[in-house]
Amino acid sequence: MAHYAVYKTDTGEIVKTVEGPTWFIEDMPIEENESIVPIDRQADDRYEYIKNGKLTDKESLPLQ
């Protein structure tokens, strides 16, 4: 099974990471301003987002 990131197309913010077969992902309902991209592992939305269709580290992290 593969991992997929559901993300907001305007900001790249990851809404959720899903693991499943291709047919499941193709039929998964998403919002109008969201898209799905395959990724190589589980994403951590605290530190990563989608930029140009790729999982990318956030440039600046908020203090925790």
PDB file of N, CA and C in Angstrom:
ATOM      1  N   MET A   1       0.835  -1.185   0.000  1.00  0.00           N
ATOM      2  CA  MET A   1       0.000   0.000   0.000  1.00  0.00           C
ATOM      3  C   MET A   1       0.875   1.243   0.000  1.00  0.00           C
ATOM      4  N   ALA A   2       0.344   2.290  -0.535  1.00  0.00           N
ATOM      5  CA  ALA A   2       1.087   3.537  -0.666  1.00  0.00           C
ATOM      6  C   ALA A   2       0.501   4.604   0.261  1.00  0.00           C
ATOM      7  N   HIS A   3       1.310   5.631   0.527  1.00  0.00           N
ATOM      8  CA  HIS A   3       0.869   6.786   1.317  1.00  0.00           C
ATOM      9  C   HIS A   3       0.495   7.921   0.364  1.00  0.00           C
ATOM     10  N   TYR A   4      -0.514   8.669   0.761  1.00  0.00           N
ATOM     11  CA  TYR A   4      -0.967   9.829   0.002  1.00  0.00           C
ATOM     12  C   TYR A   4      -1.228  10.967   0.977  1.00  0.00           C
ATOM     13  N   ALA A   5      -0.919  12.180   0.543  1.00  0.00           N
ATOM     14  CA  ALA A   5      -1.216  13.360   1.348  1.00  0.00           C
ATOM     15  C   ALA A   5      -2.391  14.096   0.722  1.00  0.00           C
ATOM     16  N   VAL A   6      -3.384  14.382   1.527  1.00  0.00           N
ATOM     17  CA  VAL A   6      -4.473  15.260   1.120  1.00  0.00           C
ATOM     18  C   VAL A   6      -4.074  16.638   1.616  1.00  0.00           C
ATOM     19  N   TYR A   7      -4.017  17.613   0.710  1.00  0.00           N
ATOM     20  CA  TYR A   7      -3.525  18.935   1.091  1.00  0.00           C
ATOM     21  C   TYR A   7      -4.350  20.044   0.458  1.00  0.00           C
ATOM     22  N   LYS A   8      -4.253  21.229   1.071  1.00  0.00           N
ATOM     23  CA  LYS A   8      -4.931  22.412   0.550  1.00  0.00           C
ATOM     24  C   LYS A   8      -4.105  22.976  -0.602  1.00  0.00           C
ATOM     25  N   THR A   9      -4.737  23.152  -1.752  1.00  0.00           N
ATOM     26  CA  THR A   9      -3.999  23.575  -2.940  1.00  0.00           C
ATOM     27  C   THR A   9      -3.484  25.006  -2.841  1.00  0.00           C
ATOM     28  N   ASP A  10      -4.114  25.850  -2.035  1.00  0.00           N
ATOM     29  CA  ASP A  10      -3.662  27.239  -1.955  1.00  0.00           C
ATOM     30  C   ASP A  10      -2.486  27.441  -1.004  1.00  0.00           C
ATOM     31  N   THR A  11      -2.360  26.599   0.031  1.00  0.00           N
ATOM     32  CA  THR A  11      -1.299  26.786   1.021  1.00  0.00           C
ATOM     33  C   THR A  11      -0.316  25.622   1.110  1.00  0.00           C
ATOM     34  N   GLY A  12      -0.703  24.454   0.622  1.00  0.00           N
ATOM     35  CA  GLY A  12       0.137  23.274   0.746  1.00  0.00           C
ATOM     36  C   GLY A  12      -0.011  22.580   2.092  1.00  0.00           C
ATOM     37  N   GLU A  13      -0.852  23.127   2.967  1.00  0.00           N
ATOM     38  CA  GLU A  13      -1.069  22.539   4.296  1.00  0.00           C
ATOM     39  C   GLU A  13      -1.633  21.131   4.149  1.00  0.00           C
ATOM     40  N   ILE A  14      -1.025  20.180   4.847  1.00  0.00           N
ATOM     41  CA  ILE A  14      -1.481  18.796   4.797  1.00  0.00           C
ATOM     42  C   ILE A  14      -2.702  18.641   5.697  1.00  0.00           C
ATOM     43  N   VAL A  15      -3.787  18.184   5.115  1.00  0.00           N
ATOM     44  CA  VAL A  15      -5.028  17.962   5.861  1.00  0.00           C
ATOM     45  C   VAL A  15      -4.980  16.605   6.544  1.00  0.00           C
ATOM     46  N   LYS A  16      -4.491  15.597   5.811  1.00  0.00           N
ATOM     47  CA  LYS A  16      -4.346  14.257   6.383  1.00  0.00           C
ATOM     48  C   LYS A  16      -3.461  13.417   5.474  1.00  0.00           C
ATOM     49  N   THR A  17      -2.894  12.372   6.048  1.00  0.00           N
ATOM     50  CA  THR A  17      -2.129  11.382   5.302  1.00  0.00           C
ATOM     51  C   THR A  17      -2.928  10.095   5.319  1.00  0.00           C
ATOM     52  N   VAL A  18      -3.047   9.477   4.152  1.00  0.00           N
ATOM     53  CA  VAL A  18      -3.853   8.274   4.006  1.00  0.00           C
ATOM     54  C   VAL A  18      -2.984   7.174   3.425  1.00  0.00           C
ATOM     55  N   GLU A  19      -3.145   5.963   3.933  1.00  0.00           N
ATOM     56  CA  GLU A  19      -2.464   4.807   3.360  1.00  0.00           C
ATOM     57  C   GLU A  19      -3.524   3.896   2.764  1.00  0.00           C
ATOM     58  N   GLY A  20      -3.338   3.521   1.506  1.00  0.00           N
ATOM     59  CA  GLY A  20      -4.321   2.647   0.897  1.00  0.00           C
ATOM     60  C   GLY A  20      -3.981   2.345  -0.547  1.00  0.00           C
ATOM     61  N   PRO A  21      -4.769   1.477  -1.161  1.00  0.00           N
ATOM     62  CA  PRO A  21      -4.555   1.146  -2.568  1.00  0.00           C
ATOM     63  C   PRO A  21      -5.006   2.296  -3.476  1.00  0.00           C
ATOM     64  N   THR A  22      -4.516   2.295  -4.688  1.00  0.00           N
ATOM     65  CA  THR A  22      -4.824   3.371  -5.639  1.00  0.00           C
ATOM     66  C   THR A  22      -6.320   3.540  -5.852  1.00  0.00           C
ATOM     67  N   TRP A  23      -7.050   2.439  -5.976  1.00  0.00           N
ATOM     68  CA  TRP A  23      -8.491   2.548  -6.243  1.00  0.00           C
ATOM     69  C   TRP A  23      -9.226   3.246  -5.102  1.00  0.00           C
ATOM     70  N   PHE A  24      -8.779   3.048  -3.882  1.00  0.00           N
ATOM     71  CA  PHE A  24      -9.401   3.702  -2.727  1.00  0.00           C
ATOM     72  C   PHE A  24      -9.174   5.212  -2.790  1.00  0.00           C
ATOM     73  N   ILE A  25      -7.957   5.603  -3.119  1.00  0.00           N
ATOM     74  CA  ILE A  25      -7.604   7.019  -3.179  1.00  0.00           C
ATOM     75  C   ILE A  25      -8.350   7.718  -4.307  1.00  0.00           C
ATOM     76  N   GLU A  26      -8.473   7.058  -5.446  1.00  0.00           N
ATOM     77  CA  GLU A  26      -9.170   7.648  -6.592  1.00  0.00           C
ATOM     78  C   GLU A  26     -10.632   7.943  -6.279  1.00  0.00           C
ATOM     79  N   ASP A  27     -11.245   7.146  -5.409  1.00  0.00           N
ATOM     80  CA  ASP A  27     -12.659   7.323  -5.060  1.00  0.00           C
ATOM     81  C   ASP A  27     -12.876   8.122  -3.779  1.00  0.00           C
ATOM     82  N   MET A  28     -11.799   8.561  -3.125  1.00  0.00           N
ATOM     83  CA  MET A  28     -11.926   9.273  -1.861  1.00  0.00           C
ATOM     84  C   MET A  28     -12.460  10.698  -2.093  1.00  0.00           C
ATOM     85  N   PRO A  29     -13.512  11.081  -1.387  1.00  0.00           N
ATOM     86  CA  PRO A  29     -14.037  12.443  -1.551  1.00  0.00           C
ATOM     87  C   PRO A  29     -13.100  13.471  -0.906  1.00  0.00           C
ATOM     88  N   ILE A  30     -12.874  14.568  -1.609  1.00  0.00           N
ATOM     89  CA  ILE A  30     -12.071  15.674  -1.073  1.00  0.00           C
ATOM     90  C   ILE A  30     -12.795  16.979  -1.342  1.00  0.00           C
ATOM     91  N   GLU A  31     -12.404  18.011  -0.619  1.00  0.00           N
ATOM     92  CA  GLU A  31     -13.007  19.329  -0.787  1.00  0.00           C
ATOM     93  C   GLU A  31     -12.558  19.961  -2.105  1.00  0.00           C
ATOM     94  N   GLU A  32     -13.243  21.001  -2.511  1.00  0.00           N
ATOM     95  CA  GLU A  32     -12.954  21.685  -3.773  1.00  0.00           C
ATOM     96  C   GLU A  32     -11.539  22.268  -3.819  1.00  0.00           C
ATOM     97  N   ASN A  33     -11.044  22.756  -2.696  1.00  0.00           N
ATOM     98  CA  ASN A  33      -9.713  23.384  -2.653  1.00  0.00           C
ATOM     99  C   ASN A  33      -8.626  22.424  -2.165  1.00  0.00           C
ATOM    100  N   GLU A  34      -8.874  21.111  -2.284  1.00  0.00           N
ATOM    101  CA  GLU A  34      -7.910  20.108  -1.859  1.00  0.00           C
ATOM    102  C   GLU A  34      -7.471  19.246  -3.027  1.00  0.00           C
ATOM    103  N   SER A  35      -6.327  18.628  -2.861  1.00  0.00           N
ATOM    104  CA  SER A  35      -5.800  17.715  -3.866  1.00  0.00           C
ATOM    105  C   SER A  35      -5.084  16.574  -3.146  1.00  0.00           C
ATOM    106  N   ILE A  36      -4.754  15.529  -3.898  1.00  0.00           N
ATOM    107  CA  ILE A  36      -4.070  14.362  -3.342  1.00  0.00           C
ATOM    108  C   ILE A  36      -2.782  14.136  -4.117  1.00  0.00           C
ATOM    109  N   VAL A  37      -1.705  13.856  -3.392  1.00  0.00           N
ATOM    110  CA  VAL A  37      -0.415  13.576  -4.013  1.00  0.00           C
ATOM    111  C   VAL A  37       0.200  12.347  -3.338  1.00  0.00           C
ATOM    112  N   PRO A  38       0.813  11.446  -4.120  1.00  0.00           N
ATOM    113  CA  PRO A  38       1.489  10.306  -3.497  1.00  0.00           C
ATOM    114  C   PRO A  38       2.768  10.758  -2.795  1.00  0.00           C
ATOM    115  N   ILE A  39       3.045  10.174  -1.637  1.00  0.00           N
ATOM    116  CA  ILE A  39       4.266  10.474  -0.892  1.00  0.00           C
ATOM    117  C   ILE A  39       4.910   9.147  -0.484  1.00  0.00           C
ATOM    118  N   ASP A  40       6.174   9.182  -0.128  1.00  0.00           N
ATOM    119  CA  ASP A  40       6.905   7.941   0.130  1.00  0.00           C
ATOM    120  C   ASP A  40       6.802   7.424   1.560  1.00  0.00           C
ATOM    121  N   ARG A  41       6.141   8.195   2.447  1.00  0.00           N
ATOM    122  CA  ARG A  41       6.032   7.782   3.848  1.00  0.00           C
ATOM    123  C   ARG A  41       4.950   8.607   4.532  1.00  0.00           C
ATOM    124  N   GLN A  42       4.694   8.298   5.790  1.00  0.00           N
ATOM    125  CA  GLN A  42       3.741   9.064   6.592  1.00  0.00           C
ATOM    126  C   GLN A  42       4.276  10.489   6.773  1.00  0.00           C
ATOM    127  N   ALA A  43       3.465  11.482   6.500  1.00  0.00           N
ATOM    128  CA  ALA A  43       3.890  12.878   6.640  1.00  0.00           C
ATOM    129  C   ALA A  43       3.635  13.378   8.059  1.00  0.00           C
ATOM    130  N   ASP A  44       4.439  14.329   8.493  1.00  0.00           N
ATOM    131  CA  ASP A  44       4.241  14.998   9.778  1.00  0.00           C
ATOM    132  C   ASP A  44       3.869  16.444   9.472  1.00  0.00           C
ATOM    133  N   ASP A  45       2.586  16.746   9.532  1.00  0.00           N
ATOM    134  CA  ASP A  45       2.112  18.077   9.126  1.00  0.00           C
ATOM    135  C   ASP A  45       2.590  19.202  10.026  1.00  0.00           C
ATOM    136  N   ARG A  46       3.165  18.880  11.180  1.00  0.00           N
ATOM    137  CA  ARG A  46       3.743  19.931  12.026  1.00  0.00           C
ATOM    138  C   ARG A  46       5.019  20.491  11.401  1.00  0.00           C
ATOM    139  N   TYR A  47       5.733  19.665  10.656  1.00  0.00           N
ATOM    140  CA  TYR A  47       7.038  20.046  10.120  1.00  0.00           C
ATOM    141  C   TYR A  47       7.125  20.022   8.592  1.00  0.00           C
ATOM    142  N   GLU A  48       6.067  19.564   7.937  1.00  0.00           N
ATOM    143  CA  GLU A  48       6.113  19.413   6.488  1.00  0.00           C
ATOM    144  C   GLU A  48       4.842  19.933   5.831  1.00  0.00           C
ATOM    145  N   TYR A  49       4.959  20.258   4.576  1.00  0.00           N
ATOM    146  CA  TYR A  49       3.815  20.641   3.766  1.00  0.00           C
ATOM    147  C   TYR A  49       4.095  20.224   2.320  1.00  0.00           C
ATOM    148  N   ILE A  50       3.116  20.439   1.451  1.00  0.00           N
ATOM    149  CA  ILE A  50       3.287  20.083   0.045  1.00  0.00           C
ATOM    150  C   ILE A  50       3.621  21.347  -0.736  1.00  0.00           C
ATOM    151  N   LYS A  51       4.727  21.300  -1.470  1.00  0.00           N
ATOM    152  CA  LYS A  51       5.153  22.420  -2.307  1.00  0.00           C
ATOM    153  C   LYS A  51       5.519  21.860  -3.673  1.00  0.00           C
ATOM    154  N   ASN A  52       4.905  22.391  -4.714  1.00  0.00           N
ATOM    155  CA  ASN A  52       5.135  21.926  -6.083  1.00  0.00           C
ATOM    156  C   ASN A  52       4.942  20.416  -6.208  1.00  0.00           C
ATOM    157  N   GLY A  53       3.934  19.892  -5.525  1.00  0.00           N
ATOM    158  CA  GLY A  53       3.598  18.479  -5.622  1.00  0.00           C
ATOM    159  C   GLY A  53       4.517  17.541  -4.865  1.00  0.00           C
ATOM    160  N   LYS A  54       5.385  18.099  -3.985  1.00  0.00           N
ATOM    161  CA  LYS A  54       6.327  17.267  -3.244  1.00  0.00           C
ATOM    162  C   LYS A  54       6.259  17.571  -1.751  1.00  0.00           C
ATOM    163  N   LEU A  55       6.515  16.552  -0.953  1.00  0.00           N
ATOM    164  CA  LEU A  55       6.591  16.713   0.493  1.00  0.00           C
ATOM    165  C   LEU A  55       7.853  17.500   0.828  1.00  0.00           C
ATOM    166  N   THR A  56       7.698  18.608   1.548  1.00  0.00           N
ATOM    167  CA  THR A  56       8.801  19.543   1.792  1.00  0.00           C
ATOM    168  C   THR A  56       8.814  19.954   3.260  1.00  0.00           C
ATOM    169  N   ASP A  57      10.024  20.131   3.819  1.00  0.00           N
ATOM    170  CA  ASP A  57      10.152  20.653   5.180  1.00  0.00           C
ATOM    171  C   ASP A  57       9.694  22.112   5.203  1.00  0.00           C
ATOM    172  N   LYS A  58       9.049  22.496   6.288  1.00  0.00           N
ATOM    173  CA  LYS A  58       8.665  23.896   6.448  1.00  0.00           C
ATOM    174  C   LYS A  58       9.918  24.706   6.729  1.00  0.00           C
ATOM    175  N   GLU A  59      10.019  25.896   6.143  1.00  0.00           N
ATOM    176  CA  GLU A  59      11.229  26.717   6.315  1.00  0.00           C
ATOM    177  C   GLU A  59      11.397  27.208   7.744  1.00  0.00           C
ATOM    178  N   SER A  60      10.327  27.622   8.370  1.00  0.00           N
ATOM    179  CA  SER A  60      10.456  28.104   9.747  1.00  0.00           C
ATOM    180  C   SER A  60       9.424  27.402  10.613  1.00  0.00           C
ATOM    181  N   LEU A  61       9.850  26.938  11.750  1.00  0.00           N
ATOM    182  CA  LEU A  61       8.981  26.217  12.649  1.00  0.00           C
ATOM    183  C   LEU A  61       8.591  27.105  13.827  1.00  0.00           C
ATOM    184  N   PRO A  62       7.344  27.045  14.249  1.00  0.00           N
ATOM    185  CA  PRO A  62       6.940  27.809  15.431  1.00  0.00           C
ATOM    186  C   PRO A  62       7.561  27.196  16.683  1.00  0.00           C
ATOM    187  N   LEU A  63       7.794  28.031  17.668  1.00  0.00           N
ATOM    188  CA  LEU A  63       8.310  27.531  18.943  1.00  0.00           C
ATOM    189  C   LEU A  63       7.240  26.693  19.610  1.00  0.00           C
ATOM    190  N   GLN A  64       7.673  25.614  20.240  1.00  0.00           N
ATOM    191  CA  GLN A  64       6.692  24.724  20.887  1.00  0.00           C
ATOM    192  C   GLN A  64       6.814  24.760  22.374  1.00  0.00           C
TER     193      GLN A  64
END
